[in-house]
């Protein structure tokens, strides 16, 4: 009987974890700024290319990541639709310095940068196209 209770507890915990992750996956959330902290900024030196005129969509990917391909298509579509928006894909395995600095724990991770290169939105997981377009509003304003 005790084994059944342990198994039920494990299943319940796994279900709750799965539901929370499903709810948060791909959501572009605002990056909170601590009062005395300088907001994280990325420039052409870190990205390897110039920033977009209005905003930049940065995607951290890995070779074995299936959702990264979907995310790439979504971000390329949005960058093509909105003038002045650039899409940059970074191989997380090749840029471990940035991965550590930006606390990227899974791929795909998407960052929305404003014109100055400040991170204004962030998502872990594959975001929806409508959410990316809405997040650009915060970066472009």
N, C-alpha and C. Protein backbone atom coordinates (compact mmCIF):
# COMPACT_ATOMS: atom_id res chain seq x y z
N UNK A 1 0.82 -1.20 0.00
CA UNK A 1 0.00 0.00 0.00
C UNK A 1 0.86 1.27 0.00
N UNK A 2 1.97 1.23 0.73
CA UNK A 2 2.85 2.39 0.79
C UNK A 2 3.45 2.70 -0.58
N UNK A 3 3.81 1.67 -1.34
CA UNK A 3 4.36 1.85 -2.69
C UNK A 3 3.37 2.51 -3.62
N UNK A 4 2.09 2.18 -3.48
CA UNK A 4 1.06 2.79 -4.31
C UNK A 4 0.92 4.27 -4.00
N UNK A 5 1.03 4.64 -2.73
CA UNK A 5 0.95 6.05 -2.35
C UNK A 5 2.14 6.84 -2.89
N UNK A 6 3.33 6.25 -2.83
CA UNK A 6 4.51 6.90 -3.37
C UNK A 6 4.37 7.08 -4.88
N UNK A 7 3.91 6.05 -5.56
CA UNK A 7 3.71 6.13 -7.01
C UNK A 7 2.68 7.21 -7.37
N UNK A 8 1.59 7.28 -6.60
CA UNK A 8 0.56 8.29 -6.84
C UNK A 8 1.13 9.69 -6.61
N UNK A 9 1.95 9.85 -5.58
CA UNK A 9 2.58 11.15 -5.30
C UNK A 9 3.51 11.58 -6.41
N UNK A 10 4.29 10.63 -6.92
CA UNK A 10 5.21 10.94 -8.02
C UNK A 10 4.43 11.32 -9.27
N UNK A 11 3.37 10.59 -9.58
CA UNK A 11 2.55 10.92 -10.74
C UNK A 11 1.90 12.29 -10.61
N UNK A 12 1.43 12.62 -9.41
CA UNK A 12 0.82 13.92 -9.18
C UNK A 12 1.86 15.04 -9.37
N UNK A 13 3.04 14.86 -8.80
CA UNK A 13 4.09 15.87 -8.94
C UNK A 13 4.50 16.04 -10.40
N UNK A 14 4.63 14.94 -11.13
CA UNK A 14 5.00 15.01 -12.54
C UNK A 14 3.92 15.71 -13.36
N UNK A 15 2.67 15.45 -13.04
CA UNK A 15 1.56 16.09 -13.75
C UNK A 15 1.55 17.59 -13.51
N UNK A 16 1.73 18.00 -12.26
CA UNK A 16 1.76 19.42 -11.95
C UNK A 16 2.92 20.10 -12.66
N UNK A 17 4.11 19.47 -12.62
CA UNK A 17 5.27 20.02 -13.32
C UNK A 17 4.99 20.17 -14.81
N UNK A 18 4.41 19.14 -15.42
CA UNK A 18 4.10 19.19 -16.85
C UNK A 18 3.12 20.29 -17.21
N UNK A 19 2.10 20.47 -16.38
CA UNK A 19 1.11 21.51 -16.65
C UNK A 19 1.71 22.91 -16.50
N UNK A 20 2.55 23.11 -15.49
CA UNK A 20 3.19 24.41 -15.31
C UNK A 20 4.13 24.70 -16.48
N UNK A 21 4.90 23.71 -16.88
CA UNK A 21 5.84 23.91 -18.00
C UNK A 21 5.08 24.18 -19.30
N UNK A 22 4.00 23.47 -19.51
CA UNK A 22 3.20 23.68 -20.71
C UNK A 22 2.63 25.09 -20.75
N UNK A 23 2.21 25.59 -19.58
CA UNK A 23 1.65 26.93 -19.49
C UNK A 23 2.71 27.99 -19.77
N UNK A 24 3.93 27.80 -19.30
CA UNK A 24 5.00 28.79 -19.43
C UNK A 24 5.80 28.65 -20.72
N UNK A 25 5.73 27.52 -21.39
CA UNK A 25 6.56 27.24 -22.56
C UNK A 25 6.26 28.22 -23.69
N UNK A 26 7.30 28.91 -24.16
CA UNK A 26 7.16 29.80 -25.30
C UNK A 26 6.57 31.16 -24.99
N UNK A 27 6.25 31.45 -23.74
CA UNK A 27 5.69 32.75 -23.37
C UNK A 27 6.78 33.81 -23.32
N UNK A 28 6.58 34.89 -24.03
CA UNK A 28 7.54 35.98 -24.02
C UNK A 28 7.21 36.89 -22.84
N UNK A 29 8.02 36.80 -21.81
CA UNK A 29 7.79 37.57 -20.59
C UNK A 29 8.73 38.78 -20.55
N UNK A 30 8.26 39.83 -19.91
CA UNK A 30 9.09 41.03 -19.73
C UNK A 30 10.26 40.69 -18.84
N UNK A 31 11.40 41.25 -19.14
CA UNK A 31 12.59 41.05 -18.33
C UNK A 31 12.53 42.05 -17.19
N UNK A 32 12.56 41.53 -15.97
CA UNK A 32 12.50 42.40 -14.79
C UNK A 32 13.85 43.05 -14.56
N UNK A 33 13.81 44.32 -14.27
CA UNK A 33 15.03 45.06 -13.96
C UNK A 33 15.09 45.31 -12.47
N UNK A 34 16.20 44.97 -11.86
CA UNK A 34 16.44 45.30 -10.47
C UNK A 34 16.87 46.76 -10.43
N UNK A 35 16.46 47.50 -9.40
CA UNK A 35 16.69 48.94 -9.36
C UNK A 35 18.12 49.36 -9.68
N UNK A 36 19.09 48.78 -9.03
CA UNK A 36 20.47 49.21 -9.21
C UNK A 36 21.21 48.45 -10.30
N UNK A 37 20.57 47.46 -10.91
CA UNK A 37 21.24 46.65 -11.92
C UNK A 37 21.15 47.31 -13.29
N UNK A 38 22.16 47.12 -14.06
CA UNK A 38 22.16 47.61 -15.44
C UNK A 38 21.47 46.54 -16.29
N UNK A 39 20.49 46.93 -17.14
CA UNK A 39 19.82 45.93 -17.96
C UNK A 39 20.81 45.23 -18.90
N UNK A 40 20.57 43.94 -19.14
CA UNK A 40 21.45 43.17 -20.02
C UNK A 40 21.39 43.75 -21.42
N UNK A 41 22.56 43.93 -22.02
CA UNK A 41 22.68 44.54 -23.33
C UNK A 41 23.56 43.65 -24.21
N UNK A 42 23.16 43.48 -25.46
CA UNK A 42 23.95 42.73 -26.43
C UNK A 42 24.24 43.64 -27.62
N UNK A 43 25.45 43.58 -28.08
CA UNK A 43 25.85 44.40 -29.22
C UNK A 43 26.34 43.54 -30.36
N UNK A 44 26.76 44.17 -31.45
CA UNK A 44 27.27 43.43 -32.61
C UNK A 44 28.46 42.55 -32.26
N UNK A 45 29.25 42.93 -31.26
CA UNK A 45 30.42 42.13 -30.87
C UNK A 45 29.99 40.74 -30.37
N UNK A 46 28.94 40.71 -29.54
CA UNK A 46 28.47 39.43 -29.00
C UNK A 46 27.67 38.63 -30.03
N UNK A 47 26.88 39.34 -30.84
CA UNK A 47 26.00 38.66 -31.79
C UNK A 47 26.70 38.24 -33.08
N UNK A 48 27.77 38.92 -33.41
CA UNK A 48 28.47 38.61 -34.65
C UNK A 48 27.89 39.32 -35.86
N UNK A 49 26.78 40.02 -35.69
CA UNK A 49 26.15 40.81 -36.76
C UNK A 49 25.58 42.07 -36.12
N UNK A 50 25.20 43.02 -36.95
CA UNK A 50 24.63 44.26 -36.45
C UNK A 50 23.21 44.07 -35.92
N UNK A 51 22.79 45.00 -35.09
CA UNK A 51 21.43 45.00 -34.56
C UNK A 51 20.45 45.48 -35.62
N UNK A 52 19.20 45.09 -35.49
CA UNK A 52 18.17 45.59 -36.39
C UNK A 52 17.92 47.07 -36.13
N UNK A 53 17.40 47.78 -37.12
CA UNK A 53 17.14 49.22 -36.98
C UNK A 53 16.09 49.50 -35.91
N UNK A 54 15.10 48.61 -35.79
CA UNK A 54 14.01 48.83 -34.82
C UNK A 54 14.04 47.83 -33.68
N UNK A 55 14.44 46.60 -33.94
CA UNK A 55 14.50 45.55 -32.92
C UNK A 55 15.27 44.37 -33.48
N UNK A 56 15.68 43.48 -32.57
CA UNK A 56 16.41 42.29 -32.97
C UNK A 56 15.84 41.09 -32.23
N UNK A 57 15.59 40.01 -32.96
CA UNK A 57 15.13 38.75 -32.38
C UNK A 57 16.33 37.81 -32.32
N UNK A 58 16.72 37.42 -31.12
CA UNK A 58 17.88 36.55 -30.93
C UNK A 58 17.37 35.18 -30.50
N UNK A 59 17.82 34.14 -31.18
CA UNK A 59 17.41 32.76 -30.89
C UNK A 59 18.64 31.94 -30.55
N UNK A 60 18.62 31.30 -29.39
CA UNK A 60 19.65 30.34 -29.02
C UNK A 60 19.15 28.96 -29.40
N UNK A 61 19.93 28.23 -30.20
CA UNK A 61 19.55 26.92 -30.71
C UNK A 61 20.68 25.92 -30.53
N UNK A 62 20.33 24.65 -30.68
CA UNK A 62 21.32 23.57 -30.74
C UNK A 62 20.97 22.68 -31.92
N UNK A 63 21.92 21.90 -32.36
CA UNK A 63 21.73 21.05 -33.54
C UNK A 63 20.65 20.00 -33.33
N UNK A 64 20.49 19.49 -32.13
CA UNK A 64 19.56 18.39 -31.88
C UNK A 64 18.17 18.86 -31.45
N UNK A 65 17.93 20.15 -31.46
CA UNK A 65 16.68 20.73 -30.96
C UNK A 65 15.62 20.79 -32.06
N UNK A 66 14.58 19.97 -31.96
CA UNK A 66 13.51 19.98 -32.96
C UNK A 66 12.67 21.26 -32.92
N UNK A 67 12.26 21.76 -31.74
CA UNK A 67 11.48 23.01 -31.73
C UNK A 67 12.26 24.22 -32.24
N UNK A 68 13.58 24.13 -32.29
CA UNK A 68 14.38 25.24 -32.80
C UNK A 68 14.10 25.52 -34.27
N UNK A 69 13.82 24.49 -35.04
CA UNK A 69 13.52 24.68 -36.46
C UNK A 69 12.21 25.45 -36.63
N UNK A 70 11.20 25.09 -35.83
CA UNK A 70 9.92 25.80 -35.88
C UNK A 70 10.11 27.25 -35.45
N UNK A 71 10.87 27.45 -34.40
CA UNK A 71 11.12 28.80 -33.89
C UNK A 71 11.85 29.63 -34.94
N UNK A 72 12.82 29.04 -35.62
CA UNK A 72 13.55 29.75 -36.67
C UNK A 72 12.59 30.25 -37.75
N UNK A 73 11.67 29.37 -38.19
CA UNK A 73 10.72 29.78 -39.23
C UNK A 73 9.82 30.92 -38.75
N UNK A 74 9.34 30.82 -37.51
CA UNK A 74 8.46 31.86 -36.96
C UNK A 74 9.20 33.19 -36.88
N UNK A 75 10.41 33.18 -36.34
CA UNK A 75 11.16 34.43 -36.18
C UNK A 75 11.57 35.02 -37.53
N UNK A 76 11.93 34.17 -38.50
CA UNK A 76 12.26 34.67 -39.84
C UNK A 76 11.04 35.30 -40.50
N UNK A 77 9.87 34.67 -40.32
CA UNK A 77 8.63 35.23 -40.88
C UNK A 77 8.34 36.61 -40.28
N UNK A 78 8.44 36.71 -38.95
CA UNK A 78 8.16 37.99 -38.29
C UNK A 78 9.17 39.04 -38.72
N UNK A 79 10.45 38.68 -38.77
CA UNK A 79 11.48 39.64 -39.19
C UNK A 79 11.24 40.09 -40.63
N UNK A 80 10.71 39.22 -41.47
CA UNK A 80 10.39 39.59 -42.85
C UNK A 80 9.16 40.47 -42.95
N UNK A 81 8.25 40.32 -42.00
CA UNK A 81 7.00 41.10 -42.01
C UNK A 81 7.19 42.52 -41.47
N UNK A 82 8.01 42.65 -40.45
CA UNK A 82 8.16 43.94 -39.76
C UNK A 82 9.47 44.59 -40.20
N UNK A 83 9.37 45.74 -40.82
CA UNK A 83 10.54 46.43 -41.34
C UNK A 83 11.47 46.86 -40.19
N UNK A 84 12.76 46.67 -40.39
CA UNK A 84 13.75 47.10 -39.41
C UNK A 84 14.01 46.10 -38.30
N UNK A 85 13.43 44.89 -38.41
CA UNK A 85 13.62 43.85 -37.40
C UNK A 85 14.55 42.79 -37.98
N UNK A 86 15.59 42.45 -37.21
CA UNK A 86 16.55 41.43 -37.64
C UNK A 86 16.38 40.18 -36.79
N UNK A 87 16.71 39.03 -37.39
CA UNK A 87 16.70 37.75 -36.68
C UNK A 87 18.12 37.21 -36.67
N UNK A 88 18.59 36.85 -35.47
CA UNK A 88 19.93 36.31 -35.31
C UNK A 88 19.81 34.98 -34.59
N UNK A 89 20.37 33.93 -35.18
CA UNK A 89 20.38 32.61 -34.53
C UNK A 89 21.79 32.32 -34.03
N UNK A 90 21.88 31.94 -32.77
CA UNK A 90 23.16 31.66 -32.13
C UNK A 90 23.21 30.20 -31.72
N UNK A 91 24.29 29.52 -32.09
CA UNK A 91 24.50 28.14 -31.68
C UNK A 91 24.93 28.14 -30.21
N UNK A 92 24.07 27.63 -29.35
CA UNK A 92 24.33 27.67 -27.91
C UNK A 92 25.58 26.89 -27.54
N UNK A 93 25.87 25.82 -28.27
CA UNK A 93 27.05 25.02 -27.95
C UNK A 93 28.34 25.76 -28.29
N UNK A 94 28.29 26.61 -29.30
CA UNK A 94 29.48 27.35 -29.72
C UNK A 94 29.69 28.63 -28.91
N UNK A 95 28.63 29.12 -28.28
CA UNK A 95 28.71 30.38 -27.54
C UNK A 95 28.35 30.18 -26.07
N UNK A 96 29.08 29.30 -25.41
CA UNK A 96 28.81 29.02 -24.00
C UNK A 96 29.01 30.25 -23.12
N UNK A 97 29.85 31.19 -23.53
CA UNK A 97 30.03 32.42 -22.76
C UNK A 97 28.72 33.19 -22.66
N UNK A 98 28.01 33.34 -23.79
CA UNK A 98 26.72 34.02 -23.78
C UNK A 98 25.65 33.21 -23.07
N UNK A 99 25.68 31.91 -23.24
CA UNK A 99 24.70 31.04 -22.59
C UNK A 99 24.78 31.21 -21.07
N UNK A 100 25.99 31.21 -20.56
CA UNK A 100 26.17 31.38 -19.11
C UNK A 100 25.78 32.79 -18.67
N UNK A 101 26.24 33.77 -19.40
CA UNK A 101 25.97 35.17 -19.04
C UNK A 101 24.48 35.49 -19.03
N UNK A 102 23.74 34.93 -20.00
CA UNK A 102 22.31 35.22 -20.12
C UNK A 102 21.43 34.16 -19.45
N UNK A 103 22.05 33.18 -18.80
CA UNK A 103 21.32 32.13 -18.09
C UNK A 103 20.34 31.38 -19.01
N UNK A 104 20.84 30.96 -20.15
CA UNK A 104 20.04 30.16 -21.08
C UNK A 104 20.13 28.72 -20.62
N UNK A 105 18.99 28.15 -20.20
CA UNK A 105 19.00 26.80 -19.65
C UNK A 105 18.41 25.77 -20.59
N UNK A 106 17.75 26.22 -21.65
CA UNK A 106 17.20 25.28 -22.64
C UNK A 106 17.09 25.97 -23.99
N UNK A 107 16.97 25.14 -25.01
CA UNK A 107 16.79 25.69 -26.35
C UNK A 107 15.44 25.22 -26.88
N UNK A 108 14.77 26.03 -27.67
CA UNK A 108 15.14 27.38 -28.04
C UNK A 108 14.85 28.37 -26.91
N UNK A 109 15.71 29.35 -26.80
CA UNK A 109 15.47 30.52 -25.96
C UNK A 109 15.50 31.72 -26.89
N UNK A 110 14.48 32.56 -26.77
CA UNK A 110 14.34 33.73 -27.65
C UNK A 110 14.44 34.99 -26.81
N UNK A 111 15.24 35.94 -27.27
CA UNK A 111 15.36 37.25 -26.64
C UNK A 111 14.91 38.31 -27.64
N UNK A 112 14.17 39.28 -27.17
CA UNK A 112 13.76 40.42 -28.00
C UNK A 112 14.57 41.61 -27.50
N UNK A 113 15.35 42.19 -28.41
CA UNK A 113 16.19 43.34 -28.07
C UNK A 113 15.63 44.61 -28.69
N UNK A 114 15.77 45.72 -27.96
CA UNK A 114 15.38 47.01 -28.53
C UNK A 114 16.52 47.56 -29.39
N UNK A 115 16.40 48.79 -29.85
CA UNK A 115 17.42 49.35 -30.75
C UNK A 115 18.78 49.50 -30.09
N UNK A 116 18.80 49.65 -28.76
CA UNK A 116 20.06 49.79 -28.03
C UNK A 116 20.66 48.44 -27.65
N UNK A 117 19.96 47.35 -27.97
CA UNK A 117 20.46 46.02 -27.64
C UNK A 117 20.07 45.53 -26.26
N UNK A 118 19.16 46.25 -25.58
CA UNK A 118 18.68 45.82 -24.26
C UNK A 118 17.67 44.70 -24.42
N UNK A 119 17.77 43.70 -23.57
CA UNK A 119 16.83 42.58 -23.59
C UNK A 119 15.54 43.06 -22.93
N UNK A 120 14.43 43.08 -23.71
CA UNK A 120 13.16 43.55 -23.17
C UNK A 120 12.14 42.44 -22.98
N UNK A 121 12.28 41.35 -23.72
CA UNK A 121 11.40 40.18 -23.58
C UNK A 121 12.25 38.93 -23.73
N UNK A 122 11.75 37.84 -23.13
CA UNK A 122 12.49 36.58 -23.14
C UNK A 122 11.50 35.43 -23.09
N UNK A 123 11.83 34.34 -23.83
CA UNK A 123 10.99 33.14 -23.81
C UNK A 123 11.88 31.90 -23.86
N UNK A 124 11.50 30.90 -23.09
CA UNK A 124 12.11 29.57 -23.19
C UNK A 124 11.09 28.68 -23.85
N UNK A 125 11.48 28.04 -24.92
CA UNK A 125 10.54 27.23 -25.69
C UNK A 125 10.13 27.97 -26.95
N UNK A 126 9.34 27.31 -27.76
CA UNK A 126 8.93 27.86 -29.06
C UNK A 126 7.76 28.82 -28.89
N UNK A 127 7.97 30.12 -29.18
CA UNK A 127 6.87 31.08 -29.05
C UNK A 127 5.96 31.05 -30.27
N UNK A 128 4.74 31.51 -30.09
CA UNK A 128 3.80 31.64 -31.19
C UNK A 128 4.07 32.93 -31.94
N UNK A 129 3.73 32.95 -33.22
CA UNK A 129 3.98 34.12 -34.06
C UNK A 129 3.29 35.37 -33.50
N UNK A 130 2.04 35.23 -33.06
CA UNK A 130 1.29 36.37 -32.53
C UNK A 130 1.97 36.92 -31.28
N UNK A 131 2.52 36.05 -30.45
CA UNK A 131 3.21 36.51 -29.24
C UNK A 131 4.50 37.26 -29.58
N UNK A 132 5.20 36.82 -30.61
CA UNK A 132 6.43 37.49 -31.03
C UNK A 132 6.10 38.89 -31.56
N UNK A 133 5.05 38.98 -32.35
CA UNK A 133 4.64 40.28 -32.90
C UNK A 133 4.25 41.22 -31.77
N UNK A 134 3.51 40.71 -30.78
CA UNK A 134 3.12 41.54 -29.64
C UNK A 134 4.34 41.97 -28.83
N UNK A 135 5.31 41.08 -28.67
CA UNK A 135 6.51 41.42 -27.91
C UNK A 135 7.34 42.48 -28.62
N UNK A 136 7.29 42.49 -29.93
CA UNK A 136 8.01 43.53 -30.67
C UNK A 136 7.48 44.92 -30.35
N UNK A 137 6.20 45.00 -30.02
CA UNK A 137 5.62 46.28 -29.65
C UNK A 137 6.33 46.90 -28.46
N UNK A 138 6.73 46.08 -27.50
CA UNK A 138 7.45 46.58 -26.32
C UNK A 138 8.85 47.04 -26.69
N UNK A 139 9.45 46.39 -27.66
CA UNK A 139 10.82 46.73 -28.05
C UNK A 139 10.85 47.96 -28.96
N UNK A 140 9.85 48.12 -29.77
CA UNK A 140 9.83 49.20 -30.76
C UNK A 140 9.36 50.50 -30.15
N UNK A 141 8.51 50.47 -29.13
CA UNK A 141 7.97 51.71 -28.52
C UNK A 141 9.01 52.63 -28.01
